[in-house]
Amino acid sequence: VIGKGMNPPQKILFPPEKICMGWRQKRRPGAGLYNLGSTCYLNVVLQCLTYTPPLANYLLSRQHSRFCHEQGFCMMCIMEAHVRKVLYSSASAIRPRAVIRDLRFIGEFKPDIPGDAYEFLRCTLSAMQRACLNGSSDLDSSSQGTTIIHQIFRGVLRTRVTCLSCKAVSDFYMAFMDILLKIKGASSLTTALEGFVTPKHLDGKKWFKCGKCKKKVAASKTVTIHHEPRVLTVCLGRADERTSRKISQVVEYPEYLDLRPYMSDTAGEPLLYSLYAVVVHSGHTCLEGHFFCYTKASNGQWYKMNDVTVDSCGIHTVLEQQAYLLFYAR
């Protein structure tokens, strides 16, 4: 079954061979970011995106702004200017004023009200995607998946539903920009990923209408990664679904991750990813506390970025945090 978005694109908006996964230039880390109210949640996301090599390479080349005709809000132009300012600035910290000024166009955020880093990441990437599609909204969904943003962050999930009566299989495909993992009872990222791809029974209210049996039946559902993204973003779901309390347990995560065991096709070469950024939330509840992050700069060195401060650190420090968001690159 070919799901929506699995047809070949009619138009390629950005040629994939022009995506450069390694840094084009090596330099020391850039500036820290001032907290302008309660803006640590957006600072960490801006820093992690700034140190995403294929995105930074593209933004530093100014390919977007040279051809952009948008008179009003454009997230790509804002990010282009922001990344240049952070990486080329001689100041130890800068103010992300343009992002704050246009917060209301990015999502439902206000500078003086604490926000969630995961939500801000999702809204920022979708605002960047909208900017890439500006003027070409009538494209088919496969072509919309060929922007620089989707070519970096987008993968495809396959949901395979198996009828437990006749064993007929139905496949559905869905694009994703990040994976949200349940971490209750999971001691590590790999355990949480195993839980993600484990078959789930659909019984009771979730009965599935089988096309072959022509009636509602009990079925099992298995979600796997069908097409891997160039950059994998994982959110470790730290809000308890029932109580909204924060789940503060330690979830171990590796510097190098093989995605192959979680793919639709588990045979074949390992799909190796390397960790390059981590967002940490400190605080006892999800509604308060503070965000800071660790990023790997183009010089190969890790840095702790806590609003205005940028301090070098080792990989061991990076790997022992209470992580909230993990960024891995192919």
C-alpha atoms as a PDB file:
ATOM      1  CA  VAL A   1       0.000   0.000   0.000  1.00  0.00           C
ATOM      2  CA  ILE A   2       1.450   3.350  -0.992  1.00  0.00           C
ATOM      3  CA  GLY A   3       0.499   5.855   1.660  1.00  0.00           C
ATOM      4  CA  LYS A   4       0.130   9.598   1.272  1.00  0.00           C
ATOM      5  CA  GLY A   5       3.447  11.295   0.596  1.00  0.00           C
ATOM      6  CA  MET A   6       5.099   8.134  -0.751  1.00  0.00           C
ATOM      7  CA  ASN A   7       4.629   9.059  -4.442  1.00  0.00           C
ATOM      8  CA  PRO A   8       7.712  10.492  -6.180  1.00  0.00           C
ATOM      9  CA  PRO A   9       7.918  14.328  -6.019  1.00  0.00           C
ATOM     10  CA  GLN A  10       6.936  16.303  -9.120  1.00  0.00           C
ATOM     11  CA  LYS A  11       9.475  19.005  -8.295  1.00  0.00           C
ATOM     12  CA  ILE A  12      12.744  18.976  -6.290  1.00  0.00           C
ATOM     13  CA  LEU A  13      12.969  22.239  -4.309  1.00  0.00           C
ATOM     14  CA  PHE A  14      16.496  21.642  -3.003  1.00  0.00           C
ATOM     15  CA  PRO A  15      18.897  19.124  -4.600  1.00  0.00           C
ATOM     16  CA  PRO A  16      19.866  16.531  -1.936  1.00  0.00           C
ATOM     17  CA  GLU A  17      23.418  16.206  -3.305  1.00  0.00           C
ATOM     18  CA  LYS A  18      24.046  19.826  -2.209  1.00  0.00           C
ATOM     19  CA  ILE A  19      23.446  18.965   1.455  1.00  0.00           C
ATOM     20  CA  CYS A  20      26.784  18.907   3.279  1.00  0.00           C
ATOM     21  CA  MET A  21      26.630  16.903   6.544  1.00  0.00           C
ATOM     22  CA  GLY A  22      30.073  17.970   7.796  1.00  0.00           C
ATOM     23  CA  TRP A  23      31.090  21.534   8.693  1.00  0.00           C
ATOM     24  CA  ARG A  24      32.376  23.530   5.705  1.00  0.00           C
ATOM     25  CA  GLN A  25      34.483  25.697   8.021  1.00  0.00           C
ATOM     26  CA  LYS A  26      35.966  24.902  11.415  1.00  0.00           C
ATOM     27  CA  ARG A  27      35.917  27.655  14.013  1.00  0.00           C
ATOM     28  CA  ARG A  28      35.668  28.249  17.736  1.00  0.00           C
ATOM     29  CA  PRO A  29      32.155  28.202  19.254  1.00  0.00           C
ATOM     30  CA  GLY A  30      29.955  31.248  18.770  1.00  0.00           C
ATOM     31  CA  ALA A  31      28.271  33.600  21.213  1.00  0.00           C
ATOM     32  CA  GLY A  32      25.950  32.806  24.113  1.00  0.00           C
ATOM     33  CA  LEU A  33      22.389  34.180  24.124  1.00  0.00           C
ATOM     34  CA  TYR A  34      20.873  36.643  26.580  1.00  0.00           C
ATOM     35  CA  ASN A  35      17.732  35.489  28.382  1.00  0.00           C
ATOM     36  CA  LEU A  36      15.214  38.245  27.595  1.00  0.00           C
ATOM     37  CA  GLY A  37      12.550  37.454  30.185  1.00  0.00           C
ATOM     38  CA  SER A  38      11.769  33.743  30.321  1.00  0.00           C
ATOM     39  CA  THR A  39      13.396  32.809  27.032  1.00  0.00           C
ATOM     40  CA  CYS A  40      15.773  29.969  27.971  1.00  0.00           C
ATOM     41  CA  TYR A  41      13.461  27.541  26.110  1.00  0.00           C
ATOM     42  CA  LEU A  42      14.031  29.346  22.816  1.00  0.00           C
ATOM     43  CA  ASN A  43      17.746  29.966  23.457  1.00  0.00           C
ATOM     44  CA  VAL A  44      18.460  26.219  23.659  1.00  0.00           C
ATOM     45  CA  VAL A  45      16.586  25.495  20.429  1.00  0.00           C
ATOM     46  CA  LEU A  46      18.355  28.328  18.577  1.00  0.00           C
ATOM     47  CA  GLN A  47      21.734  27.024  19.789  1.00  0.00           C
ATOM     48  CA  CYS A  48      20.996  23.404  18.794  1.00  0.00           C
ATOM     49  CA  LEU A  49      19.864  24.506  15.312  1.00  0.00           C
ATOM     50  CA  THR A  50      22.928  26.773  14.957  1.00  0.00           C
ATOM     51  CA  TYR A  51      25.174  23.730  15.552  1.00  0.00           C
ATOM     52  CA  THR A  52      23.263  21.439  13.158  1.00  0.00           C
ATOM     53  CA  PRO A  53      25.994  21.240  10.462  1.00  0.00           C
ATOM     54  CA  PRO A  54      23.878  20.767   7.276  1.00  0.00           C
ATOM     55  CA  LEU A  55      21.496  23.553   8.339  1.00  0.00           C
ATOM     56  CA  ALA A  56      24.283  25.946   9.395  1.00  0.00           C
ATOM     57  CA  ASN A  57      26.182  25.316   6.129  1.00  0.00           C
ATOM     58  CA  TYR A  58      23.069  26.216   4.150  1.00  0.00           C
ATOM     59  CA  LEU A  59      22.199  29.293   6.231  1.00  0.00           C
ATOM     60  CA  LEU A  60      25.788  30.618   6.148  1.00  0.00           C
ATOM     61  CA  SER A  61      25.790  30.356   2.341  1.00  0.00           C
ATOM     62  CA  ARG A  62      22.927  32.934   2.262  1.00  0.00           C
ATOM     63  CA  GLN A  63      21.202  30.917  -0.439  1.00  0.00           C
ATOM     64  CA  HIS A  64      17.777  31.673   0.988  1.00  0.00           C
ATOM     65  CA  SER A  65      17.923  35.445   1.540  1.00  0.00           C
ATOM     66  CA  ARG A  66      19.478  36.121  -1.876  1.00  0.00           C
ATOM     67  CA  PHE A  67      16.313  34.890  -3.564  1.00  0.00           C
ATOM     68  CA  CYS A  68      13.689  35.631  -0.887  1.00  0.00           C
ATOM     69  CA  HIS A  69      10.943  38.071  -1.871  1.00  0.00           C
ATOM     70  CA  GLU A  70       9.024  37.926   1.417  1.00  0.00           C
ATOM     71  CA  GLN A  71       8.403  41.472   2.705  1.00  0.00           C
ATOM     72  CA  GLY A  72       7.078  40.407   6.117  1.00  0.00           C
ATOM     73  CA  PHE A  73       7.976  37.602   8.521  1.00  0.00           C
ATOM     74  CA  CYS A  74      10.368  34.970   7.130  1.00  0.00           C
ATOM     75  CA  MET A  75      11.793  32.404   9.565  1.00  0.00           C
ATOM     76  CA  MET A  76      14.542  31.372   7.133  1.00  0.00           C
ATOM     77  CA  CYS A  77      15.821  34.958   6.819  1.00  0.00           C
ATOM     78  CA  ILE A  78      15.650  35.353  10.618  1.00  0.00           C
ATOM     79  CA  MET A  79      17.610  32.119  11.180  1.00  0.00           C
ATOM     80  CA  GLU A  80      20.141  33.023   8.499  1.00  0.00           C
ATOM     81  CA  ALA A  81      20.874  36.361  10.185  1.00  0.00           C
ATOM     82  CA  HIS A  82      20.850  34.746  13.652  1.00  0.00           C
ATOM     83  CA  VAL A  83      23.318  31.950  12.788  1.00  0.00           C
ATOM     84  CA  ARG A  84      25.702  34.424  11.099  1.00  0.00           C
ATOM     85  CA  LYS A  85      25.515  36.724  14.129  1.00  0.00           C
ATOM     86  CA  VAL A  86      26.161  33.891  16.633  1.00  0.00           C
ATOM     87  CA  LEU A  87      29.021  32.239  14.740  1.00  0.00           C
ATOM     88  CA  TYR A  88      30.771  35.392  13.471  1.00  0.00           C
ATOM     89  CA  SER A  89      30.252  37.645  16.495  1.00  0.00           C
ATOM     90  CA  SER A  90      33.220  38.797  18.557  1.00  0.00           C
ATOM     91  CA  ALA A  91      30.864  39.416  21.518  1.00  0.00           C
ATOM     92  CA  SER A  92      30.598  36.722  24.186  1.00  0.00           C
ATOM     93  CA  ALA A  93      26.770  36.895  24.054  1.00  0.00           C
ATOM     94  CA  ILE A  94      24.118  38.394  21.760  1.00  0.00           C
ATOM     95  CA  ARG A  95      20.399  39.193  22.045  1.00  0.00           C
ATOM     96  CA  PRO A  96      18.133  37.104  19.771  1.00  0.00           C
ATOM     97  CA  ARG A  97      15.943  40.193  19.202  1.00  0.00           C
ATOM     98  CA  ALA A  98      14.495  39.276  15.796  1.00  0.00           C
ATOM     99  CA  VAL A  99      13.234  35.926  17.095  1.00  0.00           C
ATOM    100  CA  ILE A 100      11.648  37.574  20.156  1.00  0.00           C
ATOM    101  CA  ARG A 101      10.100  40.321  18.001  1.00  0.00           C
ATOM    102  CA  ASP A 102       8.371  37.773  15.751  1.00  0.00           C
ATOM    103  CA  LEU A 103       7.530  35.162  18.415  1.00  0.00           C
ATOM    104  CA  ARG A 104       3.802  35.453  17.737  1.00  0.00           C
ATOM    105  CA  PHE A 105       4.336  34.357  14.116  1.00  0.00           C
ATOM    106  CA  ILE A 106       6.305  31.278  15.228  1.00  0.00           C
ATOM    107  CA  GLY A 107       3.698  29.960  17.679  1.00  0.00           C
ATOM    108  CA  GLU A 108       1.752  30.812  20.811  1.00  0.00           C
ATOM    109  CA  PHE A 109       4.740  32.115  22.758  1.00  0.00           C
ATOM    110  CA  LYS A 110       5.383  35.260  24.809  1.00  0.00           C
ATOM    111  CA  PRO A 111       8.866  36.403  25.965  1.00  0.00           C
ATOM    112  CA  ASP A 112       7.805  36.827  29.610  1.00  0.00           C
ATOM    113  CA  ILE A 113       6.004  33.466  29.892  1.00  0.00           C
ATOM    114  CA  PRO A 114       8.073  30.255  30.192  1.00  0.00           C
ATOM    115  CA  GLY A 115       7.707  27.985  27.171  1.00  0.00           C
ATOM    116  CA  ASP A 116       8.535  24.412  26.226  1.00  0.00           C
ATOM    117  CA  ALA A 117      11.683  23.768  24.176  1.00  0.00           C
ATOM    118  CA  TYR A 118      10.162  20.806  22.292  1.00  0.00           C
ATOM    119  CA  GLU A 119       7.121  22.835  21.251  1.00  0.00           C
ATOM    120  CA  PHE A 120       9.336  25.746  20.213  1.00  0.00           C
ATOM    121  CA  LEU A 121      11.544  23.429  18.117  1.00  0.00           C
ATOM    122  CA  ARG A 122       8.506  22.007  16.299  1.00  0.00           C
ATOM    123  CA  CYS A 123       7.032  25.472  15.672  1.00  0.00           C
ATOM    124  CA  THR A 124      10.391  26.870  14.487  1.00  0.00           C
ATOM    125  CA  LEU A 125      10.970  24.052  11.996  1.00  0.00           C
ATOM    126  CA  SER A 126       7.439  24.378  10.671  1.00  0.00           C
ATOM    127  CA  ALA A 127       7.870  28.174  10.318  1.00  0.00           C
ATOM    128  CA  MET A 128      11.130  27.516   8.410  1.00  0.00           C
ATOM    129  CA  GLN A 129       9.325  24.969   6.226  1.00  0.00           C
ATOM    130  CA  ARG A 130       6.570  27.514   5.455  1.00  0.00           C
ATOM    131  CA  ALA A 131       9.257  30.042   4.485  1.00  0.00           C
ATOM    132  CA  CYS A 132      10.857  27.495   2.110  1.00  0.00           C
ATOM    133  CA  LEU A 133       7.451  26.846   0.494  1.00  0.00           C
ATOM    134  CA  ASN A 134       6.620  30.528   0.163  1.00  0.00           C
ATOM    135  CA  GLY A 135       4.929  30.994  -3.186  1.00  0.00           C
ATOM    136  CA  SER A 136       4.668  27.279  -3.944  1.00  0.00           C
ATOM    137  CA  SER A 137       1.842  26.131  -1.668  1.00  0.00           C
ATOM    138  CA  ASP A 138       0.056  24.249  -4.482  1.00  0.00           C
ATOM    139  CA  LEU A 139       2.792  21.584  -4.597  1.00  0.00           C
ATOM    140  CA  ASP A 140       2.035  17.909  -3.959  1.00  0.00           C
ATOM    141  CA  SER A 141       3.063  16.657  -0.508  1.00  0.00           C
ATOM    142  CA  SER A 142       6.065  14.687  -1.845  1.00  0.00           C
ATOM    143  CA  SER A 143       7.472  17.855  -3.468  1.00  0.00           C
ATOM    144  CA  GLN A 144       6.925  19.765  -0.218  1.00  0.00           C
ATOM    145  CA  GLY A 145       9.189  17.158   1.369  1.00  0.00           C
ATOM    146  CA  THR A 146      12.130  18.288  -0.821  1.00  0.00           C
ATOM    147  CA  THR A 147      12.826  21.616   0.932  1.00  0.00           C
ATOM    148  CA  ILE A 148      16.183  21.952   2.723  1.00  0.00           C
ATOM    149  CA  ILE A 149      14.322  21.679   6.076  1.00  0.00           C
ATOM    150  CA  HIS A 150      12.500  18.451   5.250  1.00  0.00           C
ATOM    151  CA  GLN A 151      15.559  16.965   3.531  1.00  0.00           C
ATOM    152  CA  ILE A 152      17.501  17.447   6.787  1.00  0.00           C
ATOM    153  CA  PHE A 153      14.932  16.613   9.491  1.00  0.00           C
ATOM    154  CA  ARG A 154      12.160  14.583   7.860  1.00  0.00           C
ATOM    155  CA  GLY A 155      11.858  10.816   8.006  1.00  0.00           C
ATOM    156  CA  VAL A 156       8.970   8.456   7.278  1.00  0.00           C
ATOM    157  CA  LEU A 157       7.249   6.094   9.720  1.00  0.00           C
ATOM    158  CA  ARG A 158       5.432   2.970   8.602  1.00  0.00           C
ATOM    159  CA  THR A 159       2.444   1.717  10.589  1.00  0.00           C
ATOM    160  CA  ARG A 160       1.728  -1.920   9.747  1.00  0.00           C
ATOM    161  CA  VAL A 161      -1.665  -3.173  10.920  1.00  0.00           C
ATOM    162  CA  THR A 162      -2.138  -6.959  10.884  1.00  0.00           C
ATOM    163  CA  CYS A 163      -5.642  -8.458  11.126  1.00  0.00           C
ATOM    164  CA  LEU A 164      -5.530 -11.146  13.812  1.00  0.00           C
ATOM    165  CA  SER A 165      -8.325 -13.115  12.064  1.00  0.00           C
ATOM    166  CA  CYS A 166      -7.076 -13.444   8.475  1.00  0.00           C
ATOM    167  CA  LYS A 167      -3.502 -12.103   8.948  1.00  0.00           C
ATOM    168  CA  ALA A 168      -4.007  -9.529   6.135  1.00  0.00           C
ATOM    169  CA  VAL A 169      -1.520  -6.655   6.329  1.00  0.00           C
ATOM    170  CA  SER A 170      -2.246  -2.939   5.739  1.00  0.00           C
ATOM    171  CA  ASP A 171       0.586  -0.400   5.612  1.00  0.00           C
ATOM    172  CA  PHE A 172       0.244   3.342   6.275  1.00  0.00           C
ATOM    173  CA  TYR A 173       3.035   5.904   5.919  1.00  0.00           C
ATOM    174  CA  MET A 174       3.518   9.172   7.757  1.00  0.00           C
ATOM    175  CA  ALA A 175       6.259  11.792   7.652  1.00  0.00           C
ATOM    176  CA  PHE A 176       7.889  12.822  10.944  1.00  0.00           C
ATOM    177  CA  MET A 177      10.234  15.645  11.971  1.00  0.00           C
ATOM    178  CA  ASP A 178      11.007  14.193  15.412  1.00  0.00           C
ATOM    179  CA  ILE A 179      10.199  11.134  17.513  1.00  0.00           C
ATOM    180  CA  LEU A 180       8.516  11.488  20.908  1.00  0.00           C
ATOM    181  CA  LEU A 181       9.386   8.506  23.115  1.00  0.00           C
ATOM    182  CA  LYS A 182       7.671   7.237  26.253  1.00  0.00           C
ATOM    183  CA  ILE A 183      10.353   6.805  28.893  1.00  0.00           C
ATOM    184  CA  LYS A 184       8.395   5.390  31.855  1.00  0.00           C
ATOM    185  CA  GLY A 185      10.264   2.236  32.809  1.00  0.00           C
ATOM    186  CA  ALA A 186      12.911   2.761  30.109  1.00  0.00           C
ATOM    187  CA  SER A 187      16.451   2.963  31.459  1.00  0.00           C
ATOM    188  CA  SER A 188      18.002   3.926  28.119  1.00  0.00           C
ATOM    189  CA  LEU A 189      17.281   5.458  24.732  1.00  0.00           C
ATOM    190  CA  THR A 190      17.641   2.045  23.075  1.00  0.00           C
ATOM    191  CA  THR A 191      15.067   0.499  25.482  1.00  0.00           C
ATOM    192  CA  ALA A 192      12.655   3.383  24.714  1.00  0.00           C
ATOM    193  CA  LEU A 193      13.188   2.877  20.950  1.00  0.00           C
ATOM    194  CA  GLU A 194      12.569  -0.863  21.359  1.00  0.00           C
ATOM    195  CA  GLY A 195       9.296   0.005  23.105  1.00  0.00           C
ATOM    196  CA  PHE A 196       8.421   2.345  20.216  1.00  0.00           C
ATOM    197  CA  VAL A 197       8.732  -0.431  17.583  1.00  0.00           C
ATOM    198  CA  THR A 198       7.153  -3.220  19.679  1.00  0.00           C
ATOM    199  CA  PRO A 199       3.819  -4.481  18.216  1.00  0.00           C
ATOM    200  CA  LYS A 200       0.754  -3.154  20.096  1.00  0.00           C
ATOM    201  CA  HIS A 201      -2.630  -4.920  20.221  1.00  0.00           C
ATOM    202  CA  LEU A 202      -5.635  -2.976  18.940  1.00  0.00           C
ATOM    203  CA  ASP A 203      -8.603  -4.430  20.746  1.00  0.00           C
ATOM    204  CA  GLY A 204     -11.608  -3.032  22.549  1.00  0.00           C
ATOM    205  CA  LYS A 205     -12.458   0.435  21.214  1.00  0.00           C
ATOM    206  CA  LYS A 206      -9.547   0.532  18.811  1.00  0.00           C
ATOM    207  CA  TRP A 207     -10.910  -2.200  16.568  1.00  0.00           C
ATOM    208  CA  PHE A 208      -9.655  -2.073  13.022  1.00  0.00           C
ATOM    209  CA  LYS A 209     -11.891  -2.516   9.960  1.00  0.00           C
ATOM    210  CA  CYS A 210     -10.175  -5.221   7.909  1.00  0.00           C
ATOM    211  CA  GLY A 211     -10.562  -4.774   4.133  1.00  0.00           C
ATOM    212  CA  LYS A 212     -10.421  -8.521   3.609  1.00  0.00           C
ATOM    213  CA  CYS A 213     -12.743  -9.676   6.422  1.00  0.00           C
ATOM    214  CA  LYS A 214     -15.058  -6.683   5.706  1.00  0.00           C
ATOM    215  CA  LYS A 215     -15.705  -6.168   9.427  1.00  0.00           C
ATOM    216  CA  LYS A 216     -14.130  -4.703  12.558  1.00  0.00           C
ATOM    217  CA  VAL A 217     -11.519  -7.044  13.952  1.00  0.00           C
ATOM    218  CA  ALA A 218      -8.849  -7.291  16.626  1.00  0.00           C
ATOM    219  CA  ALA A 219      -5.504  -6.336  15.089  1.00  0.00           C
ATOM    220  CA  SER A 220      -1.899  -5.601  15.984  1.00  0.00           C
ATOM    221  CA  LYS A 221      -0.074  -2.420  15.046  1.00  0.00           C
ATOM    222  CA  THR A 222       3.679  -2.043  14.561  1.00  0.00           C
ATOM    223  CA  VAL A 223       5.345   1.322  13.945  1.00  0.00           C
ATOM    224  CA  THR A 224       8.840   1.332  12.416  1.00  0.00           C
ATOM    225  CA  ILE A 225      11.108   3.926  10.825  1.00  0.00           C
ATOM    226  CA  HIS A 226      10.690   3.367   7.105  1.00  0.00           C
ATOM    227  CA  HIS A 227      12.920   6.127   5.794  1.00  0.00           C
ATOM    228  CA  GLU A 228      15.607   7.534   8.076  1.00  0.00           C
ATOM    229  CA  PRO A 229      16.167  11.317   8.394  1.00  0.00           C
ATOM    230  CA  ARG A 230      19.594  12.917   7.940  1.00  0.00           C
ATOM    231  CA  VAL A 231      19.159  14.457  11.399  1.00  0.00           C
ATOM    232  CA  LEU A 232      17.216  12.492  14.012  1.00  0.00           C
ATOM    233  CA  THR A 233      15.583  14.531  16.779  1.00  0.00           C
ATOM    234  CA  VAL A 234      14.277  12.614  19.783  1.00  0.00           C
ATOM    235  CA  CYS A 235      12.169  13.991  22.614  1.00  0.00           C
ATOM    236  CA  LEU A 236      12.236  11.959  25.822  1.00  0.00           C
ATOM    237  CA  GLY A 237       8.684  12.508  27.072  1.00  0.00           C
ATOM    238  CA  ARG A 238       9.234  13.712  30.622  1.00  0.00           C
ATOM    239  CA  ALA A 239       5.615  14.742  31.330  1.00  0.00           C
ATOM    240  CA  ASP A 240       3.576  11.956  32.933  1.00  0.00           C
ATOM    241  CA  GLU A 241       0.443  11.533  30.759  1.00  0.00           C
ATOM    242  CA  ARG A 242      -1.880  11.045  33.741  1.00  0.00           C
ATOM    243  CA  THR A 243      -0.515  13.454  36.336  1.00  0.00           C
ATOM    244  CA  SER A 244       1.522  15.917  34.159  1.00  0.00           C
ATOM    245  CA  ARG A 245       4.250  15.501  36.769  1.00  0.00           C
ATOM    246  CA  LYS A 246       7.811  15.459  35.511  1.00  0.00           C
ATOM    247  CA  ILE A 247       9.432  12.039  35.046  1.00  0.00           C
ATOM    248  CA  SER A 248      12.932  12.725  36.349  1.00  0.00           C
ATOM    249  CA  GLN A 249      14.449   9.280  35.839  1.00  0.00           C
ATOM    250  CA  VAL A 250      17.848   8.864  34.225  1.00  0.00           C
ATOM    251  CA  VAL A 251      17.649   7.662  30.622  1.00  0.00           C
ATOM    252  CA  GLU A 252      21.046   6.683  29.255  1.00  0.00           C
ATOM    253  CA  TYR A 253      21.833   7.710  25.675  1.00  0.00           C
ATOM    254  CA  PRO A 254      24.884   6.870  23.557  1.00  0.00           C
ATOM    255  CA  GLU A 255      27.258   9.125  21.645  1.00  0.00           C
ATOM    256  CA  TYR A 256      26.788   6.838  18.616  1.00  0.00           C
ATOM    257  CA  LEU A 257      23.405   5.292  17.786  1.00  0.00           C
ATOM    258  CA  ASP A 258      22.613   2.548  15.270  1.00  0.00           C
ATOM    259  CA  LEU A 259      19.082   3.089  13.951  1.00  0.00           C
ATOM    260  CA  ARG A 260      18.985  -0.170  11.956  1.00  0.00           C
ATOM    261  CA  PRO A 261      17.156  -2.284  14.638  1.00  0.00           C
ATOM    262  CA  TYR A 262      14.211   0.192  14.587  1.00  0.00           C
ATOM    263  CA  MET A 263      13.801   0.300  10.797  1.00  0.00           C
ATOM    264  CA  SER A 264      11.131  -1.473   8.689  1.00  0.00           C
ATOM    265  CA  ASP A 265      14.067  -3.302   7.105  1.00  0.00           C
ATOM    266  CA  THR A 266      16.240  -4.503   9.987  1.00  0.00           C
ATOM    267  CA  ALA A 267      18.655  -6.369   7.683  1.00  0.00           C
ATOM    268  CA  GLY A 268      21.476  -4.478   6.046  1.00  0.00           C
ATOM    269  CA  GLU A 269      24.278  -2.139   6.974  1.00  0.00           C
ATOM    270  CA  PRO A 270      24.208  -0.318  10.338  1.00  0.00           C
ATOM    271  CA  LEU A 271      22.665   3.187  10.158  1.00  0.00           C
ATOM    272  CA  LEU A 272      25.035   5.097  12.383  1.00  0.00           C
ATOM    273  CA  TYR A 273      24.226   8.451  13.929  1.00  0.00           C
ATOM    274  CA  SER A 274      26.410  10.698  16.033  1.00  0.00           C
ATOM    275  CA  LEU A 275      25.143  12.859  18.912  1.00  0.00           C
ATOM    276  CA  TYR A 276      25.777  16.590  18.390  1.00  0.00           C
ATOM    277  CA  ALA A 277      23.367  18.399  20.751  1.00  0.00           C
ATOM    278  CA  VAL A 278      21.409  17.749  23.964  1.00  0.00           C
ATOM    279  CA  VAL A 279      18.749  19.924  25.627  1.00  0.00           C
ATOM    280  CA  VAL A 280      18.419  19.528  29.406  1.00  0.00           C
ATOM    281  CA  HIS A 281      15.527  20.633  31.596  1.00  0.00           C
ATOM    282  CA  SER A 282      16.291  21.247  35.256  1.00  0.00           C
ATOM    283  CA  GLY A 283      13.420  21.684  37.690  1.00  0.00           C
ATOM    284  CA  HIS A 284      10.925  19.516  39.559  1.00  0.00           C
ATOM    285  CA  THR A 285       7.888  20.147  37.357  1.00  0.00           C
ATOM    286  CA  CYS A 286       7.450  20.550  33.602  1.00  0.00           C
ATOM    287  CA  LEU A 287       5.884  23.998  34.012  1.00  0.00           C
ATOM    288  CA  GLU A 288       8.812  25.619  35.782  1.00  0.00           C
ATOM    289  CA  GLY A 289      12.583  25.287  35.861  1.00  0.00           C
ATOM    290  CA  HIS A 290      15.305  26.093  33.377  1.00  0.00           C
ATOM    291  CA  PHE A 291      16.596  24.866  30.009  1.00  0.00           C
ATOM    292  CA  PHE A 292      20.255  24.694  29.010  1.00  0.00           C
ATOM    293  CA  CYS A 293      22.023  22.667  26.335  1.00  0.00           C
ATOM    294  CA  TYR A 294      25.238  20.999  25.207  1.00  0.00           C
ATOM    295  CA  THR A 295      26.368  21.351  21.604  1.00  0.00           C
ATOM    296  CA  LYS A 296      29.314  20.100  19.596  1.00  0.00           C
ATOM    297  CA  ALA A 297      30.963  23.006  17.770  1.00  0.00           C
ATOM    298  CA  SER A 298      32.633  22.810  14.348  1.00  0.00           C
ATOM    299  CA  ASN A 299      36.037  22.374  16.076  1.00  0.00           C
ATOM    300  CA  GLY A 300      34.803  18.984  17.384  1.00  0.00           C
ATOM    301  CA  GLN A 301      34.706  20.204  20.996  1.00  0.00           C
ATOM    302  CA  TRP A 302      31.623  20.019  23.250  1.00  0.00           C
ATOM    303  CA  TYR A 303      30.309  23.142  25.036  1.00  0.00           C
ATOM    304  CA  LYS A 304      27.719  23.736  27.723  1.00  0.00           C
ATOM    305  CA  MET A 305      25.518  26.642  26.615  1.00  0.00           C
ATOM    306  CA  ASN A 306      23.533  28.150  29.443  1.00  0.00           C
ATOM    307  CA  ASP A 307      22.015  31.419  28.163  1.00  0.00           C
ATOM    308  CA  VAL A 308      24.983  33.862  28.060  1.00  0.00           C
ATOM    309  CA  THR A 309      27.657  31.392  29.183  1.00  0.00           C
ATOM    310  CA  VAL A 310      29.512  29.051  26.833  1.00  0.00           C
ATOM    311  CA  ASP A 311      31.920  26.684  28.642  1.00  0.00           C
ATOM    312  CA  SER A 312      33.873  23.795  27.142  1.00  0.00           C
ATOM    313  CA  CYS A 313      33.251  20.335  28.592  1.00  0.00           C
ATOM    314  CA  GLY A 314      33.937  16.666  27.845  1.00  0.00           C
ATOM    315  CA  ILE A 315      31.673  14.040  26.271  1.00  0.00           C
ATOM    316  CA  HIS A 316      31.343  12.275  29.678  1.00  0.00           C
ATOM    317  CA  THR A 317      29.597  15.339  31.112  1.00  0.00           C
ATOM    318  CA  VAL A 318      27.324  15.484  28.049  1.00  0.00           C
ATOM    319  CA  LEU A 319      26.291  11.828  28.425  1.00  0.00           C
ATOM    320  CA  GLU A 320      25.299  11.999  32.099  1.00  0.00           C
ATOM    321  CA  GLN A 321      22.540  14.621  31.835  1.00  0.00           C
ATOM    322  CA  GLN A 322      18.803  14.407  32.441  1.00  0.00           C
ATOM    323  CA  ALA A 323      18.186  14.866  28.710  1.00  0.00           C
ATOM    324  CA  TYR A 324      14.946  16.179  27.234  1.00  0.00           C
ATOM    325  CA  LEU A 325      15.861  16.572  23.549  1.00  0.00           C
ATOM    326  CA  LEU A 326      18.579  14.622  21.702  1.00  0.00           C
ATOM    327  CA  PHE A 327      19.949  15.568  18.284  1.00  0.00           C
ATOM    328  CA  TYR A 328      21.754  12.934  16.204  1.00  0.00           C
ATOM    329  CA  ALA A 329      23.244  13.375  12.701  1.00  0.00           C
ATOM    330  CA  ARG A 330      24.049  10.727  10.080  1.00  0.00           C
END
